[in-house]
Structures are given as C-alpha cells and as structure tokens.
C-alpha cells in the first residue's frame, strides 16, 4: 500500500487535486487556438513573440499571444522594448466580464506601487468598465489590448474597439506587469509568451 492510499479519502482527493494543479503549472499548456505569426499595428509589422494558455487552478481560462516589434526573451527586455505591442486573447471557457476586469486590476496592483496605480486611476477604471460592459465571454470569444506609443491602449472585444484608447505609455507597462511583473499571474504562461512563438 502506498503512502497516498493510507490517507483518508478526503485527504487523498485533496492531494490528487494539488498534484494535478502542480503538473499543470510545471509547464505551459499548449494553446487550443492558432495565432498568426505576424500582426499589423499602426503601420508596423509585429511578430509573434510567444503564446500560451492561462490556467487557474485546474481550469484553462484563455489562450494568449504576445506580439512585439522585435524579440523579447525576458520580462526586463519586454518592459524596456519601445514601439507598438499587442496582447491577443481567446476565451476557453465562460468568463464573467466583471471578474475578468477585476482580475486584471488585481494583477496590476500586485506588481505596481500604489502611488503609480493612483496616477492611472482613470485608465484602470475604464478597463473595469469595458469588461463589466460585457456580462460574459464564452469559449471562442476574443479580446485584445493594442498599445500605440503616444496614443495609449486600445481595448477590443470580438474585434470591435471599445471606445477610444486610454492611458499613456506607462499605463501599458502596468498592463504588461500583470503577466510579466515580479508576481506574474501565471509563471508558465509568462515563460511561454517569451519563448519566441515556437510550437
């Protein structure tokens, strides 16, 4: 009899769930969706820097792709990289819009000093409003965040722009920190987004 089998059933179940979660977090999950190798933004051709799947607990939430003007292999390189950038997402399960917006805001707060967050209150409020305006996203729905220097961050849902661009260049850095800050939302996803877009 193994040590696991000697545990009470409730503890065995908890151990199995923990082991499953650990195995999912050990490496990036392959994406369900295909992402184009390049994207056009503000007259520039961006390359697929990497792609991966966001896993929360044992559930796949969304596929994500990062497009950049040139290769960034580390968070520091990405955050210092000038030029336009795109974050592209495809939902893999039903996602409540309000919850998604709040998770993004929490991710920003986890990686940004409070004084810096305060400077961008209007832009972060707009982010919450955009996703709260969509009661839910279902599997297959897409959303995106485009950054154009000097213009701000443009949010899209299902390919449709959600109002005007918001924030400044620093605000988009706060957005990037959700996935590339010191406390990233998902470390395997972060690593996948920096792996050069390989399958």
N, C-alpha and C. Protein backbone atom coordinates (compact mmCIF):
# COMPACT_ATOMS: atom_id res chain seq x y z
N UNK A 1 0.86 -1.19 0.00
CA UNK A 1 0.00 0.00 0.00
C UNK A 1 0.90 1.25 0.00
N UNK A 2 0.58 2.15 -0.89
CA UNK A 2 1.40 3.37 -0.99
C UNK A 2 1.01 4.34 0.12
N UNK A 3 1.90 5.31 0.43
CA UNK A 3 1.55 6.33 1.44
C UNK A 3 0.27 7.08 1.10
N UNK A 4 0.04 7.31 -0.21
CA UNK A 4 -1.18 8.02 -0.61
C UNK A 4 -2.43 7.23 -0.28
N UNK A 5 -2.34 5.88 -0.46
CA UNK A 5 -3.51 5.03 -0.21
C UNK A 5 -3.86 4.94 1.28
N UNK A 6 -2.90 5.22 2.14
CA UNK A 6 -3.17 5.15 3.58
C UNK A 6 -3.88 6.39 4.09
N UNK A 7 -3.97 7.44 3.31
CA UNK A 7 -4.65 8.67 3.73
C UNK A 7 -6.15 8.50 3.67
N UNK A 8 -6.91 9.21 4.53
CA UNK A 8 -8.37 9.22 4.40
C UNK A 8 -8.77 9.72 3.02
N UNK A 9 -9.94 9.29 2.54
CA UNK A 9 -10.37 9.61 1.18
C UNK A 9 -10.37 11.11 0.90
N UNK A 10 -10.80 11.92 1.87
CA UNK A 10 -10.86 13.36 1.66
C UNK A 10 -9.46 13.93 1.45
N UNK A 11 -8.49 13.44 2.24
CA UNK A 11 -7.11 13.91 2.09
C UNK A 11 -6.50 13.41 0.79
N UNK A 12 -6.86 12.17 0.39
CA UNK A 12 -6.36 11.65 -0.89
C UNK A 12 -6.84 12.51 -2.04
N UNK A 13 -8.12 12.91 -2.01
CA UNK A 13 -8.67 13.75 -3.07
C UNK A 13 -7.95 15.09 -3.12
N UNK A 14 -7.71 15.68 -1.94
CA UNK A 14 -7.02 16.96 -1.90
C UNK A 14 -5.60 16.83 -2.44
N UNK A 15 -4.94 15.72 -2.10
CA UNK A 15 -3.57 15.50 -2.59
C UNK A 15 -3.53 15.34 -4.10
N UNK A 16 -4.53 14.62 -4.65
CA UNK A 16 -4.58 14.43 -6.09
C UNK A 16 -4.85 15.74 -6.82
N UNK A 17 -5.74 16.55 -6.27
CA UNK A 17 -6.01 17.86 -6.88
C UNK A 17 -4.76 18.72 -6.87
N UNK A 18 -4.06 18.73 -5.74
CA UNK A 18 -2.84 19.52 -5.63
C UNK A 18 -1.79 19.04 -6.62
N UNK A 19 -1.68 17.72 -6.77
CA UNK A 19 -0.70 17.17 -7.71
C UNK A 19 -1.05 17.52 -9.15
N UNK A 20 -2.35 17.46 -9.46
CA UNK A 20 -2.79 17.83 -10.80
C UNK A 20 -2.49 19.28 -11.09
N UNK A 21 -2.80 20.16 -10.14
CA UNK A 21 -2.52 21.59 -10.32
C UNK A 21 -1.04 21.82 -10.49
N UNK A 22 -0.22 21.13 -9.71
CA UNK A 22 1.23 21.29 -9.81
C UNK A 22 1.73 20.85 -11.18
N UNK A 23 1.17 19.76 -11.70
CA UNK A 23 1.63 19.28 -13.00
C UNK A 23 1.24 20.24 -14.10
N UNK A 24 0.06 20.86 -13.99
CA UNK A 24 -0.35 21.85 -14.99
C UNK A 24 0.53 23.08 -14.93
N UNK A 25 0.95 23.47 -13.72
CA UNK A 25 1.77 24.66 -13.58
C UNK A 25 3.23 24.40 -13.92
N UNK A 26 3.62 23.11 -13.99
CA UNK A 26 5.03 22.81 -14.21
C UNK A 26 5.50 23.24 -15.58
N UNK A 27 4.61 23.23 -16.56
CA UNK A 27 4.97 23.66 -17.90
C UNK A 27 3.79 24.33 -18.55
N UNK A 28 4.05 25.10 -19.57
CA UNK A 28 2.97 25.83 -20.22
C UNK A 28 2.06 24.86 -20.97
N UNK A 29 0.76 25.03 -20.82
CA UNK A 29 -0.18 24.22 -21.57
C UNK A 29 -0.17 24.66 -23.03
N UNK A 30 -0.26 23.72 -23.98
CA UNK A 30 -0.31 24.11 -25.39
C UNK A 30 -1.60 24.85 -25.69
N UNK A 31 -1.54 25.80 -26.60
CA UNK A 31 -2.74 26.57 -26.91
C UNK A 31 -3.69 25.75 -27.78
N UNK A 32 -4.98 25.97 -27.56
CA UNK A 32 -6.01 25.36 -28.40
C UNK A 32 -6.10 26.11 -29.72
N UNK A 33 -5.94 27.43 -29.65
CA UNK A 33 -6.12 28.29 -30.81
C UNK A 33 -4.79 28.58 -31.51
N UNK A 34 -4.88 28.78 -32.82
CA UNK A 34 -3.73 29.15 -33.63
C UNK A 34 -3.63 30.68 -33.66
N UNK A 35 -2.42 31.18 -33.62
CA UNK A 35 -2.18 32.62 -33.72
C UNK A 35 -1.28 32.89 -34.92
N UNK A 36 -1.61 33.94 -35.66
CA UNK A 36 -0.83 34.30 -36.84
C UNK A 36 0.60 34.63 -36.44
N UNK A 37 1.58 34.34 -37.30
CA UNK A 37 2.98 34.62 -36.97
C UNK A 37 3.32 36.11 -36.93
N UNK A 38 2.50 36.94 -37.58
CA UNK A 38 2.71 38.39 -37.56
C UNK A 38 1.37 39.10 -37.42
N UNK A 39 1.43 40.38 -37.06
CA UNK A 39 0.23 41.21 -36.94
C UNK A 39 0.60 42.64 -37.35
N UNK A 40 -0.35 43.34 -37.94
CA UNK A 40 -0.15 44.72 -38.35
C UNK A 40 -0.75 45.66 -37.31
N UNK A 41 0.02 46.65 -36.89
CA UNK A 41 -0.48 47.62 -35.92
C UNK A 41 0.16 48.97 -36.16
N UNK A 42 -0.66 49.97 -36.45
CA UNK A 42 -0.20 51.34 -36.63
C UNK A 42 0.93 51.43 -37.64
N UNK A 43 0.80 50.71 -38.75
CA UNK A 43 1.80 50.76 -39.81
C UNK A 43 3.04 49.92 -39.55
N UNK A 44 3.06 49.18 -38.45
CA UNK A 44 4.21 48.34 -38.12
C UNK A 44 3.83 46.87 -38.21
N UNK A 45 4.79 46.04 -38.58
CA UNK A 45 4.59 44.60 -38.57
C UNK A 45 5.16 44.05 -37.27
N UNK A 46 4.30 43.45 -36.48
CA UNK A 46 4.72 42.84 -35.23
C UNK A 46 4.88 41.34 -35.41
N UNK A 47 5.78 40.75 -34.65
CA UNK A 47 5.98 39.30 -34.71
C UNK A 47 5.40 38.64 -33.47
N UNK A 48 5.02 37.39 -33.65
CA UNK A 48 4.52 36.60 -32.52
C UNK A 48 5.70 36.30 -31.60
N UNK A 49 5.73 36.94 -30.45
CA UNK A 49 6.83 36.73 -29.51
C UNK A 49 6.67 35.43 -28.73
N UNK A 50 5.40 35.05 -28.50
CA UNK A 50 5.11 33.81 -27.79
C UNK A 50 3.62 33.65 -27.58
N UNK A 51 3.21 32.46 -27.19
CA UNK A 51 1.80 32.16 -26.96
C UNK A 51 1.71 31.12 -25.85
N UNK A 52 0.59 31.11 -25.15
CA UNK A 52 0.41 30.15 -24.07
C UNK A 52 -1.02 30.15 -23.57
N UNK A 53 -1.27 29.34 -22.57
CA UNK A 53 -2.62 29.20 -22.02
C UNK A 53 -2.61 29.56 -20.55
N UNK A 54 -3.55 30.40 -20.15
CA UNK A 54 -3.72 30.78 -18.75
C UNK A 54 -4.49 29.69 -18.04
N UNK A 55 -3.87 29.12 -17.00
CA UNK A 55 -4.52 28.08 -16.21
C UNK A 55 -4.75 28.62 -14.80
N UNK A 56 -6.00 28.58 -14.35
CA UNK A 56 -6.34 28.96 -12.98
C UNK A 56 -6.84 27.71 -12.27
N UNK A 57 -6.15 27.35 -11.18
CA UNK A 57 -6.39 26.07 -10.51
C UNK A 57 -6.18 24.97 -11.55
N UNK A 58 -7.21 24.22 -11.89
CA UNK A 58 -7.04 23.17 -12.91
C UNK A 58 -7.81 23.51 -14.19
N UNK A 59 -8.29 24.74 -14.31
CA UNK A 59 -9.12 25.12 -15.45
C UNK A 59 -8.36 26.03 -16.42
N UNK A 60 -8.48 25.74 -17.70
CA UNK A 60 -7.90 26.59 -18.73
C UNK A 60 -8.85 27.77 -18.96
N UNK A 61 -8.36 28.99 -18.77
CA UNK A 61 -9.21 30.17 -18.87
C UNK A 61 -9.16 30.80 -20.27
N UNK A 62 -7.94 31.04 -20.77
CA UNK A 62 -7.83 31.65 -22.10
C UNK A 62 -6.47 31.35 -22.72
N UNK A 63 -6.45 31.35 -24.06
CA UNK A 63 -5.20 31.34 -24.80
C UNK A 63 -4.76 32.79 -24.98
N UNK A 64 -3.46 33.00 -25.02
CA UNK A 64 -2.94 34.37 -25.09
C UNK A 64 -1.72 34.40 -26.00
N UNK A 65 -1.59 35.47 -26.77
CA UNK A 65 -0.42 35.67 -27.62
C UNK A 65 0.12 37.08 -27.40
N UNK A 66 1.43 37.20 -27.48
CA UNK A 66 2.12 38.48 -27.36
C UNK A 66 2.79 38.79 -28.69
N UNK A 67 2.51 39.99 -29.23
CA UNK A 67 3.13 40.46 -30.46
C UNK A 67 4.00 41.67 -30.15
N UNK A 68 5.21 41.67 -30.68
CA UNK A 68 6.18 42.73 -30.40
C UNK A 68 6.91 43.12 -31.69
N UNK A 69 7.50 44.33 -31.72
CA UNK A 69 8.25 44.74 -32.91
C UNK A 69 9.55 43.96 -33.10
N UNK A 70 10.11 43.47 -32.03
CA UNK A 70 11.28 42.59 -32.13
C UNK A 70 11.31 41.69 -30.89
N UNK A 71 12.10 40.65 -30.98
CA UNK A 71 12.12 39.60 -29.97
C UNK A 71 12.47 40.13 -28.58
N UNK A 72 11.68 39.71 -27.58
CA UNK A 72 11.98 39.97 -26.18
C UNK A 72 12.00 38.62 -25.47
N UNK A 73 13.13 38.30 -24.85
CA UNK A 73 13.30 36.98 -24.25
C UNK A 73 13.15 36.98 -22.74
N UNK A 74 13.11 38.17 -22.12
CA UNK A 74 12.97 38.27 -20.67
C UNK A 74 11.95 39.37 -20.34
N UNK A 75 11.37 39.32 -19.14
CA UNK A 75 10.46 40.41 -18.76
C UNK A 75 11.11 41.78 -18.84
N UNK A 76 12.37 41.89 -18.41
CA UNK A 76 13.06 43.18 -18.43
C UNK A 76 13.19 43.70 -19.86
N UNK A 77 13.53 42.81 -20.81
CA UNK A 77 13.64 43.22 -22.21
C UNK A 77 12.29 43.69 -22.74
N UNK A 78 11.24 42.97 -22.40
CA UNK A 78 9.91 43.34 -22.89
C UNK A 78 9.48 44.68 -22.33
N UNK A 79 9.63 44.89 -21.04
CA UNK A 79 9.17 46.13 -20.42
C UNK A 79 9.96 47.34 -20.91
N UNK A 80 11.19 47.12 -21.37
CA UNK A 80 12.01 48.21 -21.89
C UNK A 80 11.88 48.39 -23.40
N UNK A 81 11.18 47.47 -24.05
CA UNK A 81 11.10 47.48 -25.51
C UNK A 81 10.17 48.58 -26.00
N UNK A 82 10.68 49.52 -26.82
CA UNK A 82 9.82 50.57 -27.35
C UNK A 82 8.96 50.06 -28.51
N UNK A 83 7.97 50.86 -28.89
CA UNK A 83 7.16 50.53 -30.05
C UNK A 83 5.83 49.90 -29.70
N UNK A 84 4.99 49.71 -30.72
CA UNK A 84 3.65 49.14 -30.51
C UNK A 84 3.74 47.67 -30.09
N UNK A 85 2.69 47.22 -29.40
CA UNK A 85 2.61 45.83 -28.95
C UNK A 85 1.15 45.41 -28.93
N UNK A 86 0.94 44.13 -29.02
CA UNK A 86 -0.43 43.59 -28.96
C UNK A 86 -0.48 42.39 -28.03
N UNK A 87 -1.53 42.36 -27.19
CA UNK A 87 -1.88 41.20 -26.40
C UNK A 87 -3.20 40.67 -26.94
N UNK A 88 -3.19 39.44 -27.44
CA UNK A 88 -4.38 38.84 -28.05
C UNK A 88 -4.84 37.66 -27.21
N UNK A 89 -6.15 37.56 -26.98
CA UNK A 89 -6.71 36.52 -26.11
C UNK A 89 -7.88 35.82 -26.80
N UNK A 90 -8.06 34.54 -26.48
CA UNK A 90 -9.25 33.80 -26.88
C UNK A 90 -9.74 33.02 -25.66
N UNK A 91 -10.98 33.27 -25.25
CA UNK A 91 -11.54 32.58 -24.09
C UNK A 91 -11.68 31.09 -24.37
N UNK A 92 -11.37 30.27 -23.36
CA UNK A 92 -11.51 28.82 -23.47
C UNK A 92 -12.68 28.28 -22.66
N UNK A 93 -13.29 29.14 -21.87
CA UNK A 93 -14.46 28.77 -21.08
C UNK A 93 -15.23 30.05 -20.79
N UNK A 94 -16.40 29.93 -20.18
CA UNK A 94 -17.17 31.13 -19.86
C UNK A 94 -16.43 31.96 -18.81
N UNK A 95 -16.28 33.26 -19.11
CA UNK A 95 -15.59 34.18 -18.22
C UNK A 95 -16.51 35.38 -17.97
N UNK A 96 -16.82 35.65 -16.72
CA UNK A 96 -17.63 36.83 -16.39
C UNK A 96 -16.80 38.07 -16.65
N UNK A 97 -17.36 39.03 -17.38
CA UNK A 97 -16.62 40.23 -17.73
C UNK A 97 -16.13 41.00 -16.52
N UNK A 98 -17.00 41.16 -15.53
CA UNK A 98 -16.61 41.91 -14.32
C UNK A 98 -15.47 41.21 -13.60
N UNK A 99 -15.54 39.87 -13.49
CA UNK A 99 -14.49 39.12 -12.82
C UNK A 99 -13.17 39.26 -13.56
N UNK A 100 -13.23 39.22 -14.89
CA UNK A 100 -12.01 39.33 -15.69
C UNK A 100 -11.36 40.69 -15.47
N UNK A 101 -12.18 41.76 -15.51
CA UNK A 101 -11.65 43.10 -15.28
C UNK A 101 -11.02 43.23 -13.90
N UNK A 102 -11.66 42.66 -12.90
CA UNK A 102 -11.12 42.74 -11.54
C UNK A 102 -9.83 41.95 -11.39
N UNK A 103 -9.74 40.81 -12.07
CA UNK A 103 -8.50 40.03 -12.03
C UNK A 103 -7.35 40.79 -12.68
N UNK A 104 -7.64 41.47 -13.79
CA UNK A 104 -6.60 42.28 -14.43
C UNK A 104 -6.16 43.39 -13.48
N UNK A 105 -7.12 44.03 -12.85
CA UNK A 105 -6.79 45.13 -11.93
C UNK A 105 -5.96 44.61 -10.76
N UNK A 106 -6.32 43.44 -10.23
CA UNK A 106 -5.56 42.87 -9.12
C UNK A 106 -4.14 42.53 -9.56
N UNK A 107 -4.01 42.00 -10.77
CA UNK A 107 -2.69 41.68 -11.29
C UNK A 107 -1.82 42.92 -11.43
N UNK A 108 -2.43 44.02 -11.85
CA UNK A 108 -1.68 45.27 -11.93
C UNK A 108 -1.26 45.72 -10.54
N UNK A 109 -2.18 45.66 -9.58
CA UNK A 109 -1.89 46.10 -8.23
C UNK A 109 -0.83 45.25 -7.54
N UNK A 110 -0.79 43.94 -7.88
CA UNK A 110 0.19 43.04 -7.28
C UNK A 110 1.61 43.34 -7.75
N UNK A 111 1.73 44.08 -8.86
CA UNK A 111 3.04 44.31 -9.47
C UNK A 111 3.42 45.77 -9.61
N UNK A 112 2.63 46.65 -8.98
CA UNK A 112 2.83 48.09 -9.16
C UNK A 112 2.71 48.82 -7.84
N UNK A 113 3.62 49.75 -7.54
CA UNK A 113 3.49 50.54 -6.31
C UNK A 113 2.16 51.30 -6.31
N UNK A 114 1.57 51.47 -5.12
CA UNK A 114 0.25 52.10 -5.01
C UNK A 114 0.24 53.52 -5.57
N UNK A 115 1.32 54.27 -5.38
CA UNK A 115 1.36 55.64 -5.89
C UNK A 115 1.27 55.65 -7.41
N UNK A 116 1.92 54.69 -8.04
CA UNK A 116 1.87 54.60 -9.51
C UNK A 116 0.48 54.18 -9.97
N UNK A 117 -0.15 53.26 -9.26
CA UNK A 117 -1.51 52.87 -9.59
C UNK A 117 -2.45 54.07 -9.50
N UNK A 118 -2.27 54.88 -8.48
CA UNK A 118 -3.13 56.05 -8.28
C UNK A 118 -3.04 57.01 -9.46
N UNK A 119 -1.87 57.13 -10.05
CA UNK A 119 -1.69 58.03 -11.19
C UNK A 119 -2.54 57.59 -12.39
N UNK A 120 -2.92 56.33 -12.40
CA UNK A 120 -3.63 55.79 -13.56
C UNK A 120 -5.05 55.36 -13.20
N UNK A 121 -5.64 56.01 -12.22
CA UNK A 121 -6.99 55.65 -11.78
C UNK A 121 -8.01 55.72 -12.91
N UNK A 122 -7.96 56.77 -13.71
CA UNK A 122 -8.93 56.91 -14.79
C UNK A 122 -8.83 55.78 -15.80
N UNK A 123 -7.60 55.42 -16.16
CA UNK A 123 -7.42 54.36 -17.14
C UNK A 123 -7.81 53.00 -16.57
N UNK A 124 -7.47 52.72 -15.31
CA UNK A 124 -7.84 51.44 -14.72
C UNK A 124 -9.35 51.34 -14.52
N UNK A 125 -9.98 52.46 -14.20
CA UNK A 125 -11.44 52.47 -14.08
C UNK A 125 -12.08 52.15 -15.43
N UNK A 126 -11.51 52.70 -16.50
CA UNK A 126 -12.04 52.44 -17.84
C UNK A 126 -11.87 50.97 -18.20
N UNK A 127 -10.77 50.35 -17.81
CA UNK A 127 -10.56 48.93 -18.06
C UNK A 127 -11.68 48.11 -17.42
N UNK A 128 -11.99 48.42 -16.16
CA UNK A 128 -13.07 47.71 -15.46
C UNK A 128 -14.39 47.92 -16.18
N UNK A 129 -14.67 49.15 -16.60
CA UNK A 129 -15.93 49.46 -17.28
C UNK A 129 -16.07 48.68 -18.58
N UNK A 130 -14.97 48.56 -19.31
CA UNK A 130 -15.02 47.86 -20.60
C UNK A 130 -15.41 46.41 -20.42
N UNK A 131 -14.77 45.73 -19.48
CA UNK A 131 -15.08 44.31 -19.31
C UNK A 131 -16.38 44.10 -18.55
N UNK A 132 -16.73 45.02 -17.66
CA UNK A 132 -18.01 44.91 -16.96
C UNK A 132 -19.18 45.11 -17.92
N UNK A 133 -18.93 45.85 -19.00
CA UNK A 133 -19.97 46.08 -20.01
C UNK A 133 -20.30 44.83 -20.80
N UNK A 134 -19.48 43.80 -20.69
CA UNK A 134 -19.72 42.52 -21.36
C UNK A 134 -20.05 41.51 -20.27
N UNK A 135 -21.34 41.17 -20.05
CA UNK A 135 -21.71 40.29 -18.94
C UNK A 135 -20.85 39.03 -18.87
N UNK A 136 -20.57 38.43 -20.03
CA UNK A 136 -19.72 37.25 -20.02
C UNK A 136 -19.10 37.05 -21.39
N UNK A 137 -17.95 36.42 -21.38
CA UNK A 137 -17.31 35.94 -22.60
C UNK A 137 -17.48 34.42 -22.58
N UNK A 138 -17.74 33.84 -23.73
CA UNK A 138 -17.88 32.39 -23.82
C UNK A 138 -16.71 31.82 -24.62
N UNK A 139 -16.55 30.51 -24.55
CA UNK A 139 -15.45 29.86 -25.25
C UNK A 139 -15.44 30.27 -26.73
N UNK A 140 -14.31 30.73 -27.20
CA UNK A 140 -14.18 31.17 -28.59
C UNK A 140 -14.22 32.67 -28.76
N UNK A 141 -14.73 33.39 -27.76
CA UNK A 141 -14.75 34.86 -27.83
C UNK A 141 -13.32 35.39 -27.73
N UNK A 142 -13.06 36.48 -28.45
CA UNK A 142 -11.72 37.05 -28.42
C UNK A 142 -11.74 38.45 -27.82
N UNK A 143 -10.61 38.84 -27.25
CA UNK A 143 -10.41 40.21 -26.80
C UNK A 143 -8.93 40.53 -26.96
N UNK A 144 -8.63 41.81 -27.00
CA UNK A 144 -7.25 42.21 -27.28
C UNK A 144 -6.96 43.55 -26.64
N UNK A 145 -5.66 43.81 -26.49
CA UNK A 145 -5.17 45.09 -26.00
C UNK A 145 -4.03 45.51 -26.90
N UNK A 146 -4.21 46.61 -27.62
CA UNK A 146 -3.19 47.15 -28.52
C UNK A 146 -2.57 48.39 -27.90
N UNK A 147 -1.25 48.45 -27.91
CA UNK A 147 -0.57 49.65 -27.42
C UNK A 147 0.09 50.37 -28.59
N UNK A 148 -0.25 51.66 -28.74
CA UNK A 148 0.37 52.52 -29.75
C UNK A 148 1.02 53.68 -29.02
N UNK A 149 2.36 53.79 -29.10
CA UNK A 149 3.06 54.88 -28.39
C UNK A 149 2.47 56.25 -28.71
N UNK A 150 2.27 57.03 -27.68
CA UNK A 150 1.74 58.38 -27.85
C UNK A 150 0.23 58.45 -27.97
N UNK A 151 -0.42 57.30 -28.14
CA UNK A 151 -1.88 57.27 -28.27
C UNK A 151 -2.55 56.54 -27.11
N UNK A 152 -1.91 55.50 -26.59
CA UNK A 152 -2.47 54.78 -25.46
C UNK A 152 -2.81 53.34 -25.79
N UNK A 153 -3.65 52.76 -24.96
CA UNK A 153 -4.03 51.35 -25.06
C UNK A 153 -5.46 51.25 -25.57
N UNK A 154 -5.62 50.54 -26.68
CA UNK A 154 -6.95 50.32 -27.26
C UNK A 154 -7.42 48.92 -26.91
N UNK A 155 -8.59 48.83 -26.30
CA UNK A 155 -9.18 47.54 -25.95
C UNK A 155 -10.17 47.11 -27.03
N UNK A 156 -10.19 45.81 -27.30
CA UNK A 156 -11.11 45.23 -28.27
C UNK A 156 -11.82 44.04 -27.63
N UNK A 157 -13.07 43.85 -27.99
CA UNK A 157 -13.81 42.63 -27.67
C UNK A 157 -14.46 42.16 -28.96
N UNK A 158 -14.20 40.91 -29.32
CA UNK A 158 -14.69 40.35 -30.57
C UNK A 158 -14.32 41.23 -31.78
N UNK A 159 -13.11 41.79 -31.72
CA UNK A 159 -12.61 42.58 -32.82
C UNK A 159 -13.14 44.00 -32.90
N UNK A 160 -14.03 44.36 -31.99
CA UNK A 160 -14.64 45.70 -32.00
C UNK A 160 -13.95 46.59 -30.97
N UNK A 161 -13.47 47.79 -31.39
CA UNK A 161 -12.84 48.70 -30.44
C UNK A 161 -13.83 49.15 -29.37
N UNK A 162 -13.37 49.20 -28.14
CA UNK A 162 -14.21 49.60 -27.01
C UNK A 162 -13.87 51.05 -26.64
N UNK A 163 -14.50 51.98 -27.36
CA UNK A 163 -14.22 53.39 -27.11
C UNK A 163 -12.87 53.81 -27.65
N UNK A 164 -12.33 54.88 -27.09
CA UNK A 164 -11.05 55.43 -27.53
C UNK A 164 -9.90 54.82 -26.72
N UNK A 165 -8.67 54.93 -27.23
CA UNK A 165 -7.52 54.46 -26.45
C UNK A 165 -7.45 55.17 -25.10
N UNK A 166 -6.93 54.49 -24.10
CA UNK A 166 -6.84 55.06 -22.75
C UNK A 166 -5.40 55.01 -22.25
N UNK A 167 -5.11 55.89 -21.30
CA UNK A 167 -3.82 55.86 -20.63
C UNK A 167 -2.67 56.33 -21.49
N UNK A 168 -1.48 56.27 -20.90
CA UNK A 168 -0.27 56.68 -21.60
C UNK A 168 0.68 55.48 -21.70
N UNK A 169 1.93 55.76 -22.08
CA UNK A 169 2.89 54.68 -22.24
C UNK A 169 3.11 53.92 -20.92
N UNK A 170 3.15 54.63 -19.81
CA UNK A 170 3.36 53.99 -18.52
C UNK A 170 2.21 53.07 -18.17
N UNK A 171 0.99 53.45 -18.51
CA UNK A 171 -0.17 52.62 -18.20
C UNK A 171 -0.04 51.25 -18.85
N UNK A 172 0.43 51.21 -20.10
CA UNK A 172 0.55 49.90 -20.75
C UNK A 172 1.62 49.05 -20.06
N UNK A 173 2.63 49.69 -19.50
CA UNK A 173 3.62 48.94 -18.71
C UNK A 173 2.94 48.27 -17.52
N UNK A 174 2.00 48.98 -16.88
CA UNK A 174 1.24 48.39 -15.78
C UNK A 174 0.45 47.17 -16.26
N UNK A 175 -0.14 47.29 -17.45
CA UNK A 175 -0.88 46.17 -18.03
C UNK A 175 0.05 44.98 -18.25
N UNK A 176 1.21 45.22 -18.85
CA UNK A 176 2.16 44.14 -19.10
C UNK A 176 2.59 43.45 -17.81
N UNK A 177 2.69 44.21 -16.74
CA UNK A 177 3.15 43.64 -15.47
C UNK A 177 2.19 42.58 -14.91
N UNK A 178 0.94 42.57 -15.39
CA UNK A 178 0.01 41.52 -14.95
C UNK A 178 0.65 40.15 -15.23
N UNK A 179 1.27 40.01 -16.39
CA UNK A 179 1.86 38.74 -16.81
C UNK A 179 3.39 38.72 -16.71
N UNK A 180 4.02 39.91 -16.66
CA UNK A 180 5.48 39.97 -16.73
C UNK A 180 6.12 40.71 -15.56
N UNK A 181 5.35 40.98 -14.51
CA UNK A 181 5.88 41.64 -13.33
C UNK A 181 6.57 40.66 -12.40
N UNK A 182 6.92 41.13 -11.22
CA UNK A 182 7.59 40.28 -10.24
C UNK A 182 6.68 39.18 -9.69
N UNK A 183 5.37 39.43 -9.72
CA UNK A 183 4.39 38.44 -9.26
C UNK A 183 3.41 38.16 -10.41
N UNK A 184 3.87 37.48 -11.47
CA UNK A 184 3.03 37.29 -12.65
C UNK A 184 1.81 36.44 -12.36
N UNK A 185 0.75 36.65 -13.14
CA UNK A 185 -0.48 35.90 -12.95
C UNK A 185 -0.26 34.40 -13.12
N UNK A 186 0.68 34.02 -14.00
CA UNK A 186 0.89 32.60 -14.32
C UNK A 186 2.31 32.47 -14.87
N UNK A 187 3.22 31.91 -14.08
CA UNK A 187 4.63 31.85 -14.50
C UNK A 187 4.86 31.00 -15.74
N UNK A 188 4.25 29.81 -15.86
CA UNK A 188 4.43 29.06 -17.11
C UNK A 188 3.92 29.83 -18.33
N UNK A 189 2.81 30.56 -18.17
CA UNK A 189 2.31 31.38 -19.27
C UNK A 189 3.31 32.47 -19.61
N UNK A 190 3.84 33.13 -18.59
CA UNK A 190 4.85 34.17 -18.83
C UNK A 190 6.01 33.61 -19.65
N UNK A 191 6.51 32.45 -19.25
CA UNK A 191 7.64 31.87 -19.95
C UNK A 191 7.29 31.52 -21.39
N UNK A 192 6.06 31.01 -21.61
CA UNK A 192 5.62 30.66 -22.96
C UNK A 192 5.54 31.90 -23.85
N UNK A 193 5.10 33.02 -23.29
CA UNK A 193 4.96 34.25 -24.06
C UNK A 193 6.33 34.84 -24.44
N UNK A 194 7.37 34.36 -23.78
CA UNK A 194 8.73 34.86 -24.06
C UNK A 194 9.58 33.82 -24.80
N UNK A 195 8.93 32.76 -25.31
CA UNK A 195 9.73 31.66 -25.88
C UNK A 195 9.93 31.75 -27.38
N UNK A 196 9.50 32.86 -27.99
CA UNK A 196 9.72 33.03 -29.42
C UNK A 196 8.61 32.51 -30.31
N UNK A 197 7.47 32.10 -29.70
CA UNK A 197 6.33 31.68 -30.52
C UNK A 197 6.44 30.28 -31.07
N UNK A 198 7.36 29.47 -30.55
CA UNK A 198 7.53 28.11 -31.06
C UNK A 198 6.37 27.22 -30.59
N UNK A 199 6.04 26.21 -31.41
CA UNK A 199 5.02 25.24 -31.03
C UNK A 199 5.59 24.24 -30.04
